[in-house]
Amino acid sequence: MTWMDRILPHIADLFAEKPIVLVDVGASGEPPANWRILAPLACYIGFDPDQRAIIETNAFGFRRFVMVNRAISGTGQKAVEFFLTRSPYCSSTLKPIQDALDHYGFSELFHVVGKASAPASSLDAALEEVGLDRIDWLKVDSQGTDLRIYESIRLTRRDRLWVLDVEPGMMNFYAGEDAFEDAHRQILRENYWLSSAHFQRYARVSAASRGRLEASGLDPQSLPKSPTAIEAQYFRTLAHVEASGSDVRDLVCVWALAMANGLHGFAMDIAIGMEGQHPIGEKLALCTLAEIRARQSRFGERIKRIAKRWIPASFHPRVAKIAAMGRLHSENPQ
């Protein structure tokens, strides 16, 4: 049983009229894995003008599933020139800078194979067209324009956006792209905290050098890799959520988004803050504790399986003690 299975009967009514709204700008491929557990409470709306990797079936059971073949523009243009790259995941309204890309082992993915005039709109206009007035969680993977798309959202809507995922580059691979340092600085100014950050890494090696390595029987993919972009996620601070006039629905929504991301400490902060103010607070706290307990138990079992396979038998008692510590902490929460 998942944490959603445990809590769903107690919170479903809160989202009957106002489901969780998940917006995916740059929606090639499947919806993010950590969105799927929210499906019984959520609407999914995706935008991508490159149809080569679009998935238009609601395979995960979202309350509502909308896929729009359109670019989202930070300037509100009605149409944009779209650079179609060899990999649909690299297509962008910005032109790839091939001279910069040629230094890295993924340069071929960015080769422009065509151009298209793609229909476009602002994110606000697109949401109004499909009858949605809010965004709870926004993922932007626009290949270079993440910050400008976020900043183009109407301030009253942006102020009640709880989670933001962006993927800015660490290097200048697109002409005029939004860099990580600019995006990070601005997002923190708007009362977010950085909840996770994962580097995309590739070897800095030219195509000529890769060819030489392969001719010598060596695999270029085995080379040490360097950061090229960062997948960053930001949550609003709890103080901002509370100061924005949020109701019980919004607080439970932020709790659910935290749980979906494994941010159990932050989820516990929300639950404890609601205890004594609303009956749902205690249920959220108990659900969070149960998930922490289950997670620590799974960790202990995983440690024992690894030990059995890779660690000499003489060390197994010590490993068992380490695994038991996880269970002990979960059974005696502070």
Protein backbone atom coordinates (compact mmCIF):
# COMPACT_ATOMS: atom_id res chain seq x y z
CA MET A 1 0.00 0.00 0.00
CA THR A 2 1.36 3.42 -0.95
CA TRP A 3 1.05 6.57 1.13
CA MET A 4 -1.51 7.78 -1.42
CA ASP A 5 -3.63 4.67 -0.87
CA ARG A 6 -3.60 5.36 2.87
CA ILE A 7 -4.53 9.04 2.72
CA LEU A 8 -6.74 9.22 -0.39
CA PRO A 9 -10.07 8.46 1.38
CA HIS A 10 -9.38 11.34 3.80
CA ILE A 11 -8.36 14.04 1.30
CA ALA A 12 -10.17 13.22 -1.97
CA ASP A 13 -13.03 15.63 -1.21
CA LEU A 14 -10.59 18.54 -0.85
CA PHE A 15 -9.63 18.16 -4.50
CA ALA A 16 -13.04 17.34 -5.95
CA GLU A 17 -13.55 20.88 -7.25
CA LYS A 18 -9.92 21.99 -7.41
CA PRO A 19 -7.67 19.11 -8.49
CA ILE A 20 -3.89 19.37 -8.32
CA VAL A 21 -2.73 20.99 -11.57
CA LEU A 22 0.51 19.64 -13.03
CA VAL A 23 1.87 21.58 -16.02
CA ASP A 24 4.60 20.11 -18.22
CA VAL A 25 6.29 22.54 -20.64
CA GLY A 26 8.51 20.44 -22.89
CA ALA A 27 6.45 17.29 -22.57
CA SER A 28 8.36 14.82 -24.75
CA GLY A 29 8.20 11.32 -23.32
CA GLU A 30 6.13 10.09 -20.40
CA PRO A 31 4.95 12.33 -17.54
CA PRO A 32 7.53 12.53 -14.73
CA ALA A 33 7.55 9.38 -12.62
CA ASN A 34 6.90 11.24 -9.37
CA TRP A 35 3.72 12.78 -10.84
CA ARG A 36 2.05 9.43 -11.36
CA ILE A 37 1.23 8.76 -7.72
CA LEU A 38 -0.72 12.04 -7.71
CA ALA A 39 -2.87 10.96 -10.67
CA PRO A 40 -6.08 10.23 -8.67
CA LEU A 41 -6.12 13.87 -7.51
CA ALA A 42 -4.52 15.61 -10.47
CA CYS A 43 -4.94 17.15 -13.91
CA TYR A 44 -2.00 16.85 -16.29
CA ILE A 45 -1.47 19.37 -19.09
CA GLY A 46 1.54 19.07 -21.37
CA PHE A 47 2.92 21.37 -24.07
CA ASP A 48 5.36 20.46 -26.82
CA PRO A 49 5.49 21.49 -30.50
CA ASP A 50 7.74 18.55 -31.43
CA GLN A 51 5.38 15.60 -31.91
CA ARG A 52 8.06 12.94 -32.40
CA ALA A 53 8.12 11.84 -28.74
CA ILE A 54 4.68 12.99 -27.57
CA ILE A 55 2.55 10.50 -25.62
CA GLU A 56 -1.11 11.42 -25.90
CA THR A 57 -2.75 8.62 -23.92
CA ASN A 58 -3.66 8.89 -20.27
CA ALA A 59 -1.90 5.69 -19.28
CA PHE A 60 -1.50 6.69 -15.62
CA GLY A 61 -5.10 7.60 -14.81
CA PHE A 62 -4.95 11.35 -14.27
CA ARG A 63 -8.30 12.94 -13.52
CA ARG A 64 -7.82 14.92 -16.70
CA PHE A 65 -5.09 14.59 -19.33
CA VAL A 66 -4.48 17.29 -21.96
CA MET A 67 -1.61 17.36 -24.47
CA VAL A 68 -1.21 20.52 -26.55
CA ASN A 69 0.94 20.59 -29.68
CA ARG A 70 2.17 24.13 -29.10
CA ALA A 71 5.24 26.00 -27.95
CA ILE A 72 5.03 28.10 -24.81
CA SER A 73 6.60 31.49 -25.35
CA GLY A 74 7.88 33.78 -22.65
CA THR A 75 6.98 36.74 -24.86
CA GLY A 76 3.46 35.68 -25.78
CA GLN A 77 4.16 35.26 -29.50
CA LYS A 78 1.49 33.52 -31.58
CA ALA A 79 4.09 31.57 -33.58
CA VAL A 80 7.78 30.79 -33.14
CA GLU A 81 10.51 29.28 -35.26
CA PHE A 82 11.32 25.90 -33.79
CA PHE A 83 14.67 24.19 -34.35
CA LEU A 84 14.11 20.45 -34.70
CA THR A 85 17.17 18.55 -33.50
CA ARG A 86 18.19 14.94 -34.06
CA SER A 87 16.97 14.16 -30.56
CA PRO A 88 13.44 15.49 -29.95
CA TYR A 89 14.47 16.14 -26.36
CA CYS A 90 16.90 18.86 -27.55
CA SER A 91 14.58 20.79 -29.91
CA SER A 92 14.16 24.44 -28.96
CA THR A 93 12.98 27.86 -30.03
CA LEU A 94 16.65 28.84 -29.58
CA LYS A 95 19.30 27.85 -32.09
CA PRO A 96 21.89 25.33 -30.81
CA ILE A 97 25.44 26.68 -30.81
CA GLN A 98 27.21 23.85 -32.58
CA ASP A 99 30.72 25.23 -31.98
CA ALA A 100 30.16 24.95 -28.21
CA LEU A 101 28.40 21.60 -28.44
CA ASP A 102 31.16 20.04 -30.55
CA HIS A 103 33.38 19.90 -27.45
CA TYR A 104 31.08 17.35 -25.81
CA GLY A 105 30.17 13.71 -26.34
CA PHE A 106 26.51 14.44 -27.04
CA SER A 107 26.93 16.98 -29.85
CA GLU A 108 25.14 14.86 -32.47
CA LEU A 109 21.90 14.99 -30.47
CA PHE A 110 21.71 18.74 -31.12
CA HIS A 111 22.26 18.65 -34.88
CA VAL A 112 19.46 20.65 -36.47
CA VAL A 113 17.54 18.39 -38.85
CA GLY A 114 14.83 20.87 -39.74
CA LYS A 115 12.97 24.03 -38.83
CA ALA A 116 9.29 24.58 -38.35
CA SER A 117 7.02 27.49 -37.62
CA ALA A 118 5.25 26.26 -34.50
CA PRO A 119 2.07 27.72 -33.00
CA ALA A 120 2.79 29.37 -29.67
CA SER A 121 1.15 31.24 -26.83
CA SER A 122 1.84 32.45 -23.33
CA LEU A 123 1.30 29.91 -20.57
CA ASP A 124 -1.46 32.05 -19.06
CA ALA A 125 -3.41 32.11 -22.33
CA ALA A 126 -2.96 28.37 -22.87
CA LEU A 127 -4.27 27.56 -19.38
CA GLU A 128 -7.30 29.76 -19.85
CA GLU A 129 -8.10 27.97 -23.11
CA VAL A 130 -8.33 24.63 -21.30
CA GLY A 131 -10.24 26.09 -18.36
CA LEU A 132 -7.55 25.96 -15.66
CA ASP A 133 -6.94 28.90 -13.34
CA ARG A 134 -3.96 27.66 -11.35
CA ILE A 135 -0.65 25.79 -11.48
CA ASP A 136 0.39 23.79 -8.43
CA TRP A 137 3.51 22.20 -9.92
CA LEU A 138 5.27 23.48 -13.03
CA LYS A 139 7.97 21.58 -14.88
CA VAL A 140 9.76 23.57 -17.58
CA ASP A 141 12.23 21.87 -19.90
CA SER A 142 12.24 24.30 -22.80
CA GLN A 143 15.91 23.96 -23.74
CA GLY A 144 17.09 27.43 -22.81
CA THR A 145 14.02 29.54 -21.97
CA ASP A 146 12.90 28.13 -18.60
CA LEU A 147 13.34 31.33 -16.59
CA ARG A 148 11.62 33.62 -19.08
CA ILE A 149 8.63 31.25 -19.31
CA TYR A 150 8.32 31.15 -15.52
CA GLU A 151 8.59 34.95 -15.24
CA SER A 152 5.95 35.44 -17.95
CA ILE A 153 3.26 33.85 -15.76
CA ARG A 154 0.80 36.35 -14.34
CA LEU A 155 1.97 37.33 -10.85
CA THR A 156 -1.25 36.37 -9.06
CA ARG A 157 -1.01 32.86 -10.54
CA ARG A 158 2.74 32.63 -10.02
CA ASP A 159 2.42 33.59 -6.36
CA ARG A 160 0.40 30.42 -5.71
CA LEU A 161 2.67 28.07 -7.66
CA TRP A 162 4.12 25.69 -5.10
CA VAL A 163 6.75 23.61 -6.94
CA LEU A 164 8.97 24.54 -9.87
CA ASP A 165 11.21 22.19 -11.86
CA VAL A 166 13.66 23.75 -14.32
CA GLU A 167 16.60 22.44 -16.33
CA PRO A 168 18.93 25.36 -17.10
CA GLY A 169 22.29 24.81 -18.74
CA MET A 170 25.63 25.20 -17.02
CA MET A 171 27.23 26.01 -20.37
CA ASN A 172 26.06 28.21 -23.24
CA PHE A 173 24.70 25.63 -25.71
CA TYR A 174 21.81 27.70 -27.17
CA ALA A 175 21.92 31.24 -28.48
CA GLY A 176 20.63 33.55 -25.75
CA GLU A 177 19.68 30.82 -23.29
CA ASP A 178 18.76 31.39 -19.63
CA ALA A 179 21.73 30.30 -17.53
CA PHE A 180 21.51 28.38 -14.27
CA GLU A 181 23.05 31.14 -12.16
CA ASP A 182 20.44 33.67 -13.33
CA ALA A 183 17.53 31.27 -12.90
CA HIS A 184 18.67 30.13 -9.45
CA ARG A 185 19.16 33.66 -8.17
CA GLN A 186 15.77 34.87 -9.35
CA ILE A 187 13.83 31.83 -8.16
CA LEU A 188 15.28 32.08 -4.64
CA ARG A 189 14.18 35.74 -4.53
CA GLU A 190 10.59 34.53 -4.84
CA ASN A 191 10.58 32.54 -1.59
CA TYR A 192 11.55 29.12 -2.92
CA TRP A 193 14.11 26.75 -1.47
CA LEU A 194 16.19 24.32 -3.53
CA SER A 195 14.79 20.86 -2.81
CA SER A 196 16.90 18.82 -5.24
CA ALA A 197 19.58 19.27 -7.88
CA HIS A 198 21.00 16.67 -10.24
CA PHE A 199 23.77 17.33 -12.72
CA GLN A 200 23.52 16.10 -16.26
CA ARG A 201 27.05 14.96 -17.08
CA TYR A 202 28.82 14.25 -20.35
CA ALA A 203 32.45 13.81 -21.33
CA ARG A 204 34.14 16.85 -22.80
CA VAL A 205 35.54 15.22 -25.91
CA SER A 206 35.29 16.18 -29.57
CA ALA A 207 33.86 13.99 -32.33
CA ALA A 208 37.38 13.59 -33.78
CA SER A 209 38.74 12.32 -30.47
CA ARG A 210 35.79 9.97 -30.04
CA GLY A 211 36.50 8.53 -33.46
CA ARG A 212 40.15 7.98 -32.53
CA LEU A 213 39.16 6.27 -29.28
CA GLU A 214 36.70 3.98 -31.03
CA ALA A 215 39.29 3.10 -33.69
CA SER A 216 41.61 2.13 -30.84
CA GLY A 217 39.00 -0.17 -29.32
CA LEU A 218 38.12 2.23 -26.48
CA ASP A 219 34.65 3.33 -25.43
CA PRO A 220 34.21 7.15 -25.31
CA GLN A 221 31.27 6.68 -22.94
CA SER A 222 33.67 5.42 -20.26
CA LEU A 223 35.44 8.78 -20.03
CA PRO A 224 34.99 10.93 -16.91
CA LYS A 225 32.04 13.27 -17.30
CA SER A 226 31.55 16.96 -16.55
CA PRO A 227 28.37 18.90 -15.64
CA THR A 228 26.53 20.41 -18.60
CA ALA A 229 23.06 21.17 -17.15
CA ILE A 230 21.30 20.90 -13.85
CA GLU A 231 17.86 19.46 -13.13
CA ALA A 232 16.77 21.69 -10.27
CA GLN A 233 13.59 21.58 -8.22
CA TYR A 234 12.33 24.34 -5.95
CA PHE A 235 9.58 24.31 -3.30
CA ARG A 236 7.94 27.39 -1.90
CA THR A 237 8.78 28.05 1.72
CA LEU A 238 6.05 27.16 4.18
CA ALA A 239 6.00 30.79 5.32
CA HIS A 240 5.17 31.86 1.76
CA VAL A 241 2.44 29.24 1.42
CA GLU A 242 0.80 30.38 4.65
CA ALA A 243 1.18 34.11 3.84
CA SER A 244 -0.41 33.73 0.40
CA GLY A 245 -3.86 33.18 1.88
CA SER A 246 -3.79 29.44 1.32
CA ASP A 247 -6.67 27.31 2.48
CA VAL A 248 -6.69 23.70 3.70
CA ARG A 249 -6.75 22.43 0.12
CA ASP A 250 -3.52 24.28 -0.68
CA LEU A 251 -1.69 23.12 2.43
CA VAL A 252 -2.67 19.50 1.81
CA CYS A 253 -1.65 19.96 -1.83
CA VAL A 254 1.85 21.11 -0.83
CA TRP A 255 2.05 18.20 1.62
CA ALA A 256 1.15 15.75 -1.18
CA LEU A 257 3.72 17.30 -3.52
CA ALA A 258 6.37 16.95 -0.82
CA MET A 259 5.42 13.31 -0.26
CA ALA A 260 5.57 12.61 -4.00
CA ASN A 261 9.16 13.87 -3.96
CA GLY A 262 10.21 11.97 -0.83
CA LEU A 263 10.61 15.22 1.13
CA HIS A 264 9.24 13.66 4.28
CA GLY A 265 10.76 16.19 6.68
CA PHE A 266 9.06 19.09 4.88
CA ALA A 267 5.83 17.09 4.68
CA MET A 268 6.04 16.53 8.44
CA ASP A 269 6.48 20.28 9.01
CA ILE A 270 3.24 20.92 7.13
CA ALA A 271 1.35 18.16 8.95
CA ILE A 272 2.48 19.31 12.40
CA GLY A 273 1.59 22.89 11.54
CA MET A 274 -1.96 21.77 10.71
CA GLU A 275 -2.44 19.64 13.81
CA GLY A 276 -4.82 21.34 16.21
CA GLN A 277 -6.11 23.60 13.44
CA HIS A 278 -7.81 21.04 11.23
CA PRO A 279 -8.69 17.34 11.73
CA ILE A 280 -6.74 16.37 8.61
CA GLY A 281 -3.47 17.46 10.23
CA GLU A 282 -3.22 14.39 12.46
CA LYS A 283 -3.98 12.06 9.55
CA LEU A 284 -1.27 13.70 7.44
CA ALA A 285 1.22 13.33 10.30
CA LEU A 286 0.39 9.65 10.81
CA CYS A 287 0.64 8.98 7.07
CA THR A 288 4.02 10.73 6.92
CA LEU A 289 5.35 8.74 9.88
CA ALA A 290 4.16 5.49 8.29
CA GLU A 291 5.94 6.33 5.05
CA ILE A 292 9.18 7.22 6.86
CA ARG A 293 8.96 3.96 8.81
CA ALA A 294 8.38 1.95 5.62
CA ARG A 295 11.21 3.70 3.83
CA GLN A 296 13.68 3.04 6.61
CA SER A 297 12.60 -0.59 6.77
CA ARG A 298 13.15 -0.95 3.01
CA PHE A 299 16.58 0.63 3.43
CA GLY A 300 17.53 -1.87 6.12
CA GLU A 301 16.43 -4.82 3.98
CA ARG A 302 18.37 -3.47 1.02
CA ILE A 303 21.52 -3.15 3.11
CA LYS A 304 21.20 -6.79 4.20
CA ARG A 305 20.72 -8.00 0.60
CA ILE A 306 23.80 -6.10 -0.55
CA ALA A 307 25.80 -7.45 2.37
CA LYS A 308 24.79 -11.00 1.66
CA ARG A 309 25.93 -10.72 -1.91
CA TRP A 310 29.11 -8.62 -1.66
CA ILE A 311 30.43 -8.54 1.92
CA PRO A 312 32.30 -11.44 3.60
CA ALA A 313 30.18 -13.43 6.05
CA SER A 314 32.34 -12.38 8.99
CA PHE A 315 31.06 -8.79 8.59
CA HIS A 316 27.36 -9.71 8.37
CA PRO A 317 26.62 -9.22 12.11
CA ARG A 318 27.98 -5.67 11.91
CA VAL A 319 25.91 -4.93 8.81
CA ALA A 320 22.80 -6.36 10.49
CA LYS A 321 23.36 -3.93 13.38
CA ILE A 322 23.52 -1.00 10.93
CA ALA A 323 20.30 -2.17 9.25
CA ALA A 324 18.59 -2.55 12.62
CA MET A 325 19.49 1.04 13.52
CA GLY A 326 17.25 2.23 10.69
CA ARG A 327 14.35 0.15 12.04
CA LEU A 328 15.01 1.33 15.58
CA HIS A 329 14.83 5.00 14.57
CA SER A 330 11.65 4.40 12.59
CA GLU A 331 9.97 2.65 15.55
CA ASN A 332 10.91 5.46 17.94
CA PRO A 333 10.22 8.71 16.08
CA GLN A 334 11.14 11.81 18.02
